[in-house]
Amino acid sequence: MKKKTKKLKNIQIDSFKSIISALAVAYLLYIFTFYVDGEMGIILIAFLVSAPIISLILATGAVKRIKVSIDCDGYVNKDSVLNLKVDVEKSGLFPIAITEVNITASEVFDCFSKSYRLSILGEEKKSFEVPIRAVVGGNGEISVESVYSCGFLGFIKFRVKNTGLLSENVGVIPEIPEIKTSSQLFRNIADVVMTSDDEEDNDTAMLFSMNTVPGYEHREYVQGDPLKRVNWKLSSKRNTLMVRLDESASSVQPVIVLDLFRKSDGEVREAVQNEERLLQSVFGLVNALVRQGIACGFVYYGSGGEMISESVDNPDYPAQLLLKVLAVKVVPDKRVSLNMVNESVCACIIATTDCGEGIETVTQQIHDPDNVSLMGTSQDMKNLTNFPLWYLDGDNNFKIV
């Protein structure tokens, strides 16, 4: 609403300036014609009458002959410059006087809203690049807000309506901190995993003691299988990774659920900054777990609006997973769902940007509250649940609120 009001105000100011300019030109022309040089004044009057008519014809004739397209990289590192390529094409041989292209970028980029004007005469296409600096990690959008045909005088403008929706989603990659394994949250997760591992090993030994020998049932490795279940000796003999079937890993993997919740009526700049801090905390923890040999599950919203659950057990995979998350546009007022979380998981971390009103829609899905924690963005976050809330401080340590 504020943006629409500001835009309307700017249009009114531009219209007022145009009227003032036209009146000033008319006054000067009157003075010149009747008090300086009448003959030359008549010539100027003829020019000033015919020029707008010609400009109007050029502007209206070009409205349906202008086509604009944009292209850029899908990802950019934070504090780097993204170059947006803009192509403006015309159809037909008749020249296009002035085309105005207005480009805007969302809040993950430096405050950006600019207009570019160009003419297309003999050639059929012109291109230019727009440098845009990424300042906040997260998903951003660059779009062509509007395109106008302006004639050659510039003040006559007709909106080009056949350009369609021109926008590009861009993932801004934040710097992921190196989490200290001495952090209490990391130690808590590691202790729970080790305890669950010991209990599972005992159950597995009892299961196979009467029937067969553990470790002799295998299948080929598939993406998502935990590396701790790989039989390296057998794999080296067969020249392919083989996974043991006599051990189940699903119940001993901690699960991290990402909830990038954004209020539709909140301040967007503040929201994207909180989302960046949460992404840094989450992927810092994921990196630390995998480096220590602890595979974990990761639950997040996909680009199609569906919940996705992935197993992270390869040190190279968190970087790829981060790109998947950054490719998804945040939908305001949409909370994450725990339907993809197995009830038997040893630990569950719900990483959210908002633990206030509405968080109960997520926590009410928890059947077993033991070993469930929340991860937030700062020590000042409000927590309306009974679960412990952790945040990452400036020294890359997780602390409890």
Protein backbone atom coordinates (compact mmCIF):
# COMPACT_ATOMS: atom_id res chain seq x y z
CA MET A 1 0.00 0.00 0.00
CA LYS A 2 2.84 2.38 0.86
CA LYS A 3 4.58 1.60 -2.45
CA LYS A 4 1.39 2.30 -4.45
CA THR A 5 0.83 5.61 -2.63
CA LYS A 6 4.43 6.68 -3.23
CA LYS A 7 4.23 5.68 -6.90
CA LEU A 8 0.99 7.65 -7.37
CA LYS A 9 2.57 10.66 -5.70
CA ASN A 10 5.57 10.50 -8.04
CA ILE A 11 3.27 10.33 -11.08
CA GLN A 12 1.39 13.40 -9.86
CA ILE A 13 4.66 15.29 -9.35
CA ASP A 14 5.88 14.36 -12.84
CA SER A 15 2.59 15.50 -14.38
CA PHE A 16 2.79 18.81 -12.52
CA LYS A 17 6.36 19.36 -13.72
CA SER A 18 5.31 18.67 -17.32
CA ILE A 19 2.48 21.22 -17.11
CA ILE A 20 4.79 23.86 -15.63
CA SER A 21 7.38 23.20 -18.34
CA ALA A 22 4.77 23.50 -21.12
CA LEU A 23 3.45 26.79 -19.70
CA ALA A 24 6.98 28.17 -19.40
CA VAL A 25 7.75 27.30 -23.05
CA ALA A 26 4.46 28.88 -24.21
CA TYR A 27 5.23 32.07 -22.29
CA LEU A 28 8.74 32.37 -23.74
CA LEU A 29 7.40 31.70 -27.23
CA TYR A 30 4.83 34.48 -26.78
CA ILE A 31 7.49 36.96 -25.68
CA PHE A 32 9.78 36.00 -28.58
CA THR A 33 7.04 36.20 -31.24
CA PHE A 34 5.47 39.55 -30.26
CA TYR A 35 8.46 41.42 -28.87
CA VAL A 36 11.61 40.03 -30.56
CA ASP A 37 11.16 38.46 -34.01
CA GLY A 38 7.67 37.76 -35.32
CA GLU A 39 8.69 35.77 -38.41
CA MET A 40 11.01 33.49 -36.50
CA GLY A 41 8.37 33.17 -33.80
CA ILE A 42 5.84 31.85 -36.34
CA ILE A 43 8.38 29.25 -37.46
CA LEU A 44 8.96 28.19 -33.88
CA ILE A 45 5.22 27.95 -33.25
CA ALA A 46 4.81 25.73 -36.30
CA PHE A 47 7.64 23.52 -35.10
CA LEU A 48 6.29 23.27 -31.56
CA VAL A 49 2.84 22.32 -32.87
CA SER A 50 4.04 19.74 -35.39
CA ALA A 51 6.75 18.16 -33.20
CA PRO A 52 4.36 16.80 -30.53
CA ILE A 53 2.06 15.43 -33.26
CA ILE A 54 4.96 13.58 -34.92
CA SER A 55 6.20 12.38 -31.53
CA LEU A 56 2.70 11.14 -30.69
CA ILE A 57 2.53 9.18 -33.96
CA LEU A 58 5.93 7.59 -33.30
CA ALA A 59 5.04 6.71 -29.71
CA THR A 60 1.71 5.07 -30.53
CA GLY A 61 3.13 3.24 -33.54
CA ALA A 62 5.90 1.66 -31.49
CA VAL A 63 3.73 0.33 -28.64
CA LYS A 64 3.05 -3.02 -30.32
CA ARG A 65 6.48 -3.35 -31.91
CA ILE A 66 8.66 -3.37 -28.77
CA LYS A 67 9.78 -6.58 -27.09
CA VAL A 68 11.92 -6.68 -23.92
CA SER A 69 13.68 -9.68 -22.36
CA ILE A 70 16.08 -10.08 -19.43
CA ASP A 71 18.62 -12.68 -18.38
CA CYS A 72 21.11 -13.16 -15.54
CA ASP A 73 22.87 -15.81 -13.47
CA GLY A 74 20.69 -17.84 -11.10
CA TYR A 75 23.04 -17.36 -8.14
CA VAL A 76 25.39 -14.69 -6.87
CA ASN A 77 27.55 -14.45 -3.75
CA LYS A 78 26.63 -11.90 -1.13
CA ASP A 79 28.46 -8.56 -1.52
CA SER A 80 29.04 -9.31 -5.21
CA VAL A 81 27.64 -7.58 -8.30
CA LEU A 82 25.11 -9.34 -10.51
CA ASN A 83 24.98 -8.20 -14.14
CA LEU A 84 21.46 -8.20 -15.56
CA LYS A 85 21.35 -8.33 -19.36
CA VAL A 86 18.43 -6.45 -20.94
CA ASP A 87 17.51 -6.95 -24.60
CA VAL A 88 15.18 -4.52 -26.39
CA GLU A 89 13.97 -5.57 -29.84
CA LYS A 90 11.75 -3.93 -32.42
CA SER A 91 9.73 -5.43 -35.25
CA GLY A 92 9.46 -3.77 -38.65
CA LEU A 93 11.76 -1.30 -40.40
CA PHE A 94 10.31 1.87 -38.90
CA PRO A 95 12.58 3.32 -36.16
CA ILE A 96 11.62 3.49 -32.50
CA ALA A 97 12.35 6.90 -31.02
CA ILE A 98 12.66 6.38 -27.26
CA THR A 99 11.92 3.29 -25.16
CA GLU A 100 11.89 3.58 -21.38
CA VAL A 101 12.61 0.42 -19.32
CA ASN A 102 12.00 0.56 -15.55
CA ILE A 103 13.83 -2.11 -13.54
CA THR A 104 13.34 -2.97 -9.86
CA ALA A 105 14.99 -5.45 -7.49
CA SER A 106 13.81 -6.95 -4.20
CA GLU A 107 15.26 -6.29 -0.76
CA VAL A 108 18.15 -8.78 -0.90
CA PHE A 109 19.75 -6.34 -3.35
CA ASP A 110 20.96 -2.83 -2.70
CA CYS A 111 18.07 -0.32 -2.87
CA PHE A 112 17.48 -0.45 -6.58
CA SER A 113 14.90 1.07 -8.89
CA LYS A 114 16.14 2.71 -12.07
CA SER A 115 14.91 3.81 -15.49
CA TYR A 116 16.84 3.36 -18.72
CA ARG A 117 16.07 5.05 -22.05
CA LEU A 118 17.34 4.08 -25.49
CA SER A 119 16.52 4.50 -29.19
CA ILE A 120 16.47 1.80 -31.86
CA LEU A 121 16.94 3.21 -35.36
CA GLY A 122 18.43 1.06 -38.12
CA GLU A 123 19.25 -1.99 -36.00
CA GLU A 124 16.63 -4.48 -34.81
CA LYS A 125 17.96 -5.04 -31.30
CA LYS A 126 19.87 -3.25 -28.57
CA SER A 127 21.29 -4.71 -25.35
CA PHE A 128 22.67 -3.23 -22.17
CA GLU A 129 23.77 -4.52 -18.76
CA VAL A 130 22.55 -3.37 -15.37
CA PRO A 131 24.91 -3.97 -12.40
CA ILE A 132 23.04 -4.82 -9.20
CA ARG A 133 24.79 -5.47 -5.88
CA ALA A 134 23.60 -8.32 -3.64
CA VAL A 135 23.68 -7.28 0.02
CA VAL A 136 21.63 -9.94 1.90
CA GLY A 137 21.67 -13.73 1.55
CA GLY A 138 18.41 -15.34 0.45
CA ASN A 139 16.06 -15.56 -2.51
CA GLY A 140 15.70 -12.36 -4.51
CA GLU A 141 13.82 -11.16 -7.55
CA ILE A 142 14.71 -8.76 -10.34
CA SER A 143 11.92 -7.61 -12.59
CA VAL A 144 11.00 -5.19 -15.35
CA GLU A 145 8.32 -3.13 -13.65
CA SER A 146 7.18 -1.32 -16.79
CA VAL A 147 8.11 -0.46 -20.38
CA TYR A 148 7.03 2.75 -22.15
CA SER A 149 7.13 4.05 -25.70
CA CYS A 150 7.92 7.76 -25.43
CA GLY A 151 8.20 9.22 -28.94
CA PHE A 152 11.22 11.45 -29.60
CA LEU A 153 10.26 14.29 -27.23
CA GLY A 154 10.21 12.01 -24.23
CA PHE A 155 7.29 13.47 -22.31
CA ILE A 156 4.60 11.52 -24.23
CA LYS A 157 4.46 8.00 -22.75
CA PHE A 158 2.41 4.93 -23.67
CA ARG A 159 2.79 1.73 -21.70
CA VAL A 160 3.89 -1.36 -23.64
CA LYS A 161 1.52 -4.13 -22.55
CA ASN A 162 2.74 -7.09 -24.60
CA THR A 163 5.98 -7.59 -22.66
CA GLY A 164 4.35 -9.99 -20.16
CA LEU A 165 5.77 -10.73 -16.72
CA LEU A 166 9.53 -10.23 -16.87
CA SER A 167 11.29 -11.37 -13.71
CA GLU A 168 14.25 -13.48 -12.64
CA ASN A 169 14.64 -15.29 -9.31
CA VAL A 170 18.20 -15.09 -7.98
CA GLY A 171 19.70 -16.92 -5.03
CA VAL A 172 22.10 -14.77 -3.03
CA ILE A 173 24.60 -17.11 -1.34
CA PRO A 174 25.47 -16.02 2.21
CA GLU A 175 28.73 -16.84 3.92
CA ILE A 176 28.23 -19.94 6.08
CA PRO A 177 30.07 -19.75 9.42
CA GLU A 178 32.17 -22.58 10.82
CA ILE A 179 30.32 -23.78 13.89
CA LYS A 180 32.38 -24.79 16.91
CA THR A 181 31.79 -28.41 17.88
CA SER A 182 32.09 -27.35 21.50
CA SER A 183 28.70 -25.62 21.22
CA GLN A 184 26.18 -27.08 23.62
CA LEU A 185 23.53 -27.65 20.94
CA PHE A 186 25.98 -29.64 18.81
CA ARG A 187 27.05 -31.73 21.81
CA ASN A 188 23.42 -32.41 22.72
CA ILE A 189 22.67 -33.70 19.23
CA ALA A 190 25.85 -35.79 19.11
CA ASP A 191 25.07 -37.36 22.50
CA VAL A 192 21.54 -38.27 21.43
CA VAL A 193 22.81 -39.81 18.19
CA MET A 194 25.48 -41.84 19.97
CA THR A 195 22.97 -43.12 22.53
CA SER A 196 20.50 -44.07 19.80
CA ASP A 197 23.27 -45.73 17.82
CA ASP A 198 24.24 -47.92 20.79
CA GLU A 199 20.63 -48.95 21.41
CA GLU A 200 20.09 -49.76 17.73
CA ASP A 201 23.29 -51.83 17.52
CA ASN A 202 22.12 -53.91 20.47
CA ASP A 203 18.73 -54.46 18.86
CA THR A 204 20.36 -55.44 15.57
CA ALA A 205 22.69 -57.94 17.24
CA MET A 206 19.75 -59.60 19.01
CA LEU A 207 17.75 -59.71 15.78
CA PHE A 208 20.43 -61.49 13.79
CA SER A 209 21.97 -63.70 16.47
CA MET A 210 19.40 -66.48 15.89
CA ASN A 211 18.91 -66.14 12.13
CA THR A 212 22.04 -65.02 10.33
CA VAL A 213 25.28 -63.12 10.69
CA PRO A 214 25.02 -59.31 10.74
CA GLY A 215 26.51 -57.56 7.75
CA TYR A 216 25.89 -60.23 5.11
CA GLU A 217 22.70 -58.70 3.60
CA HIS A 218 23.63 -55.93 1.13
CA ARG A 219 22.40 -53.87 -1.78
CA GLU A 220 24.00 -51.24 -4.01
CA TYR A 221 24.32 -47.70 -2.66
CA VAL A 222 21.70 -45.17 -3.78
CA GLN A 223 21.66 -41.42 -3.27
CA GLY A 224 20.58 -40.63 0.29
CA ASP A 225 21.95 -43.77 1.97
CA PRO A 226 24.13 -42.89 5.00
CA LEU A 227 27.83 -43.50 4.42
CA LYS A 228 28.18 -45.12 7.85
CA ARG A 229 26.25 -48.13 6.47
CA VAL A 230 28.64 -48.69 3.55
CA ASN A 231 30.63 -51.96 3.68
CA TRP A 232 33.92 -50.62 2.39
CA LYS A 233 35.67 -54.00 2.21
CA LEU A 234 32.94 -55.55 0.08
CA SER A 235 32.64 -52.38 -1.99
CA SER A 236 36.33 -52.49 -2.90
CA LYS A 237 35.96 -56.09 -4.12
CA ARG A 238 32.90 -55.34 -6.28
CA ASN A 239 34.08 -51.90 -7.43
CA THR A 240 30.74 -50.41 -6.38
CA LEU A 241 29.41 -49.10 -3.09
CA MET A 242 27.46 -51.72 -1.13
CA VAL A 243 25.18 -50.83 1.81
CA ARG A 244 24.36 -53.14 4.74
CA LEU A 245 20.67 -53.97 5.12
CA ASP A 246 20.86 -55.38 8.62
CA GLU A 247 21.11 -51.89 10.15
CA SER A 248 18.56 -49.09 9.92
CA ALA A 249 19.72 -45.50 10.08
CA SER A 250 16.46 -43.57 9.88
CA SER A 251 15.82 -43.48 13.61
CA VAL A 252 19.33 -42.29 14.53
CA GLN A 253 19.46 -39.34 12.19
CA PRO A 254 18.67 -35.95 13.71
CA VAL A 255 16.26 -33.93 11.59
CA ILE A 256 16.46 -30.19 10.90
CA VAL A 257 13.25 -28.51 9.75
CA LEU A 258 13.59 -25.13 8.01
CA ASP A 259 10.74 -22.67 8.58
CA LEU A 260 11.37 -19.41 6.71
CA PHE A 261 8.23 -17.72 7.98
CA ARG A 262 7.57 -14.15 6.80
CA LYS A 263 4.59 -12.03 7.85
CA SER A 264 2.80 -10.38 4.95
CA ASP A 265 2.35 -7.15 6.92
CA GLY A 266 5.91 -7.07 8.30
CA GLU A 267 8.93 -5.06 7.24
CA VAL A 268 10.45 -6.95 4.29
CA ARG A 269 13.99 -5.63 4.78
CA GLU A 270 14.05 -6.89 8.36
CA ALA A 271 12.49 -10.20 7.29
CA VAL A 272 15.18 -11.00 4.71
CA GLN A 273 17.92 -10.18 7.21
CA ASN A 274 16.40 -12.61 9.72
CA GLU A 275 16.11 -15.27 7.02
CA GLU A 276 19.78 -14.84 6.18
CA ARG A 277 20.82 -15.27 9.82
CA LEU A 278 18.72 -18.41 10.10
CA LEU A 279 20.20 -19.90 6.92
CA GLN A 280 23.70 -19.24 8.24
CA SER A 281 22.88 -20.93 11.55
CA VAL A 282 21.16 -23.93 9.96
CA PHE A 283 23.76 -24.70 7.33
CA GLY A 284 26.58 -24.01 9.78
CA LEU A 285 25.10 -26.74 11.99
CA VAL A 286 24.54 -29.10 9.04
CA ASN A 287 28.16 -28.68 7.94
CA ALA A 288 29.43 -29.35 11.46
CA LEU A 289 27.32 -32.49 11.83
CA VAL A 290 28.35 -34.00 8.50
CA ARG A 291 32.04 -33.20 9.06
CA GLN A 292 31.84 -35.15 12.32
CA GLY A 293 30.29 -38.14 10.56
CA ILE A 294 26.73 -37.50 11.76
CA ALA A 295 24.22 -37.82 8.93
CA CYS A 296 21.05 -35.76 9.31
CA GLY A 297 17.69 -35.27 7.67
CA PHE A 298 16.68 -31.91 6.24
CA VAL A 299 13.08 -30.82 5.64
CA TYR A 300 12.16 -27.71 3.63
CA TYR A 301 9.67 -26.30 1.14
CA GLY A 302 10.39 -27.02 -2.54
CA SER A 303 9.82 -24.69 -5.45
CA GLY A 304 6.46 -26.33 -6.15
CA GLY A 305 5.18 -25.64 -2.63
CA GLU A 306 5.64 -29.26 -1.55
CA MET A 307 7.52 -30.45 1.53
CA ILE A 308 10.85 -32.14 0.73
CA SER A 309 12.88 -34.37 3.03
CA GLU A 310 16.50 -35.17 2.18
CA SER A 311 19.27 -37.08 3.90
CA VAL A 312 22.57 -35.21 4.24
CA ASP A 313 25.52 -37.55 4.78
CA ASN A 314 28.12 -36.24 2.31
CA PRO A 315 30.36 -33.28 3.26
CA ASP A 316 29.91 -31.87 -0.27
CA TYR A 317 26.12 -32.00 -0.22
CA PRO A 318 25.21 -29.11 2.15
CA ALA A 319 26.45 -26.58 -0.43
CA GLN A 320 24.20 -28.13 -3.08
CA LEU A 321 21.29 -28.22 -0.64
CA LEU A 322 21.78 -24.54 0.15
CA LEU A 323 21.39 -23.70 -3.54
CA LYS A 324 18.12 -25.67 -3.63
CA VAL A 325 16.79 -23.68 -0.67
CA LEU A 326 17.89 -20.34 -2.15
CA ALA A 327 16.05 -21.14 -5.39
CA VAL A 328 12.69 -21.19 -3.56
CA LYS A 329 10.79 -17.93 -3.18
CA VAL A 330 9.51 -17.30 0.35
CA VAL A 331 5.71 -17.31 0.53
CA PRO A 332 4.39 -14.89 3.19
CA ASP A 333 2.29 -16.29 6.07
CA LYS A 334 3.18 -19.89 5.21
CA ARG A 335 4.45 -22.16 7.98
CA VAL A 336 6.40 -25.38 7.52
CA SER A 337 4.74 -28.76 8.08
CA LEU A 338 6.16 -31.68 10.09
CA ASN A 339 4.37 -34.35 8.05
CA MET A 340 7.69 -35.46 6.56
CA VAL A 341 9.30 -35.98 9.98
CA ASN A 342 9.38 -39.57 11.22
CA GLU A 343 8.08 -39.93 14.76
CA SER A 344 11.02 -42.17 15.65
CA VAL A 345 13.77 -39.59 14.94
CA CYS A 346 16.28 -39.25 17.75
CA ALA A 347 16.32 -35.41 17.67
CA CYS A 348 14.39 -32.69 15.86
CA ILE A 349 15.53 -29.09 15.40
CA ILE A 350 12.86 -26.67 14.14
CA ALA A 351 14.70 -23.67 12.70
CA THR A 352 12.31 -20.75 12.39
CA THR A 353 12.36 -16.99 11.91
CA ASP A 354 9.33 -16.55 14.18
CA CYS A 355 8.53 -18.36 17.44
CA GLY A 356 5.69 -16.02 18.28
CA GLU A 357 2.01 -16.10 17.40
CA GLY A 358 1.22 -18.92 14.97
CA ILE A 359 4.08 -21.23 15.95
CA GLU A 360 1.51 -23.57 17.55
CA THR A 361 0.43 -24.66 14.06
CA VAL A 362 3.84 -26.33 13.78
CA THR A 363 4.46 -27.53 17.35
CA GLN A 364 1.02 -29.13 17.67
CA GLN A 365 2.16 -31.68 15.08
CA ILE A 366 4.86 -32.95 17.46
CA HIS A 367 3.87 -36.29 18.99
CA ASP A 368 6.97 -36.83 21.12
CA PRO A 369 8.31 -33.57 22.63
CA ASP A 370 11.50 -35.21 23.92
CA ASN A 371 14.67 -34.06 22.16
CA VAL A 372 12.86 -31.29 20.26
CA SER A 373 14.48 -27.85 20.13
CA LEU A 374 13.92 -24.58 18.31
CA MET A 375 16.56 -22.57 16.49
CA GLY A 376 16.01 -18.84 16.07
CA THR A 377 17.79 -15.76 14.78
CA SER A 378 18.75 -13.88 17.94
CA GLN A 379 18.52 -13.81 21.71
CA ASP A 380 15.72 -11.23 21.47
CA MET A 381 13.25 -13.59 19.80
CA LYS A 382 9.95 -14.21 21.53
CA ASN A 383 9.31 -17.88 22.32
CA LEU A 384 5.69 -18.88 22.95
CA THR A 385 6.50 -22.59 23.23
CA ASN A 386 7.87 -24.80 25.99
CA PHE A 387 10.76 -25.97 23.81
CA PRO A 388 14.29 -24.61 24.30
CA LEU A 389 15.25 -21.89 21.83
CA TRP A 390 18.83 -21.67 20.53
CA TYR A 391 20.56 -18.94 18.54
CA LEU A 392 24.02 -18.47 17.02
CA ASP A 393 26.07 -15.73 18.67
CA GLY A 394 28.87 -13.64 17.19
CA ASP A 395 31.51 -16.24 18.15
CA ASN A 396 29.73 -18.99 16.20
CA ASN A 397 28.53 -20.71 19.36
CA PHE A 398 24.96 -21.84 19.85
CA LYS A 399 23.47 -20.43 23.03
CA ILE A 400 20.08 -20.91 24.62
CA VAL A 401 17.71 -17.98 25.07
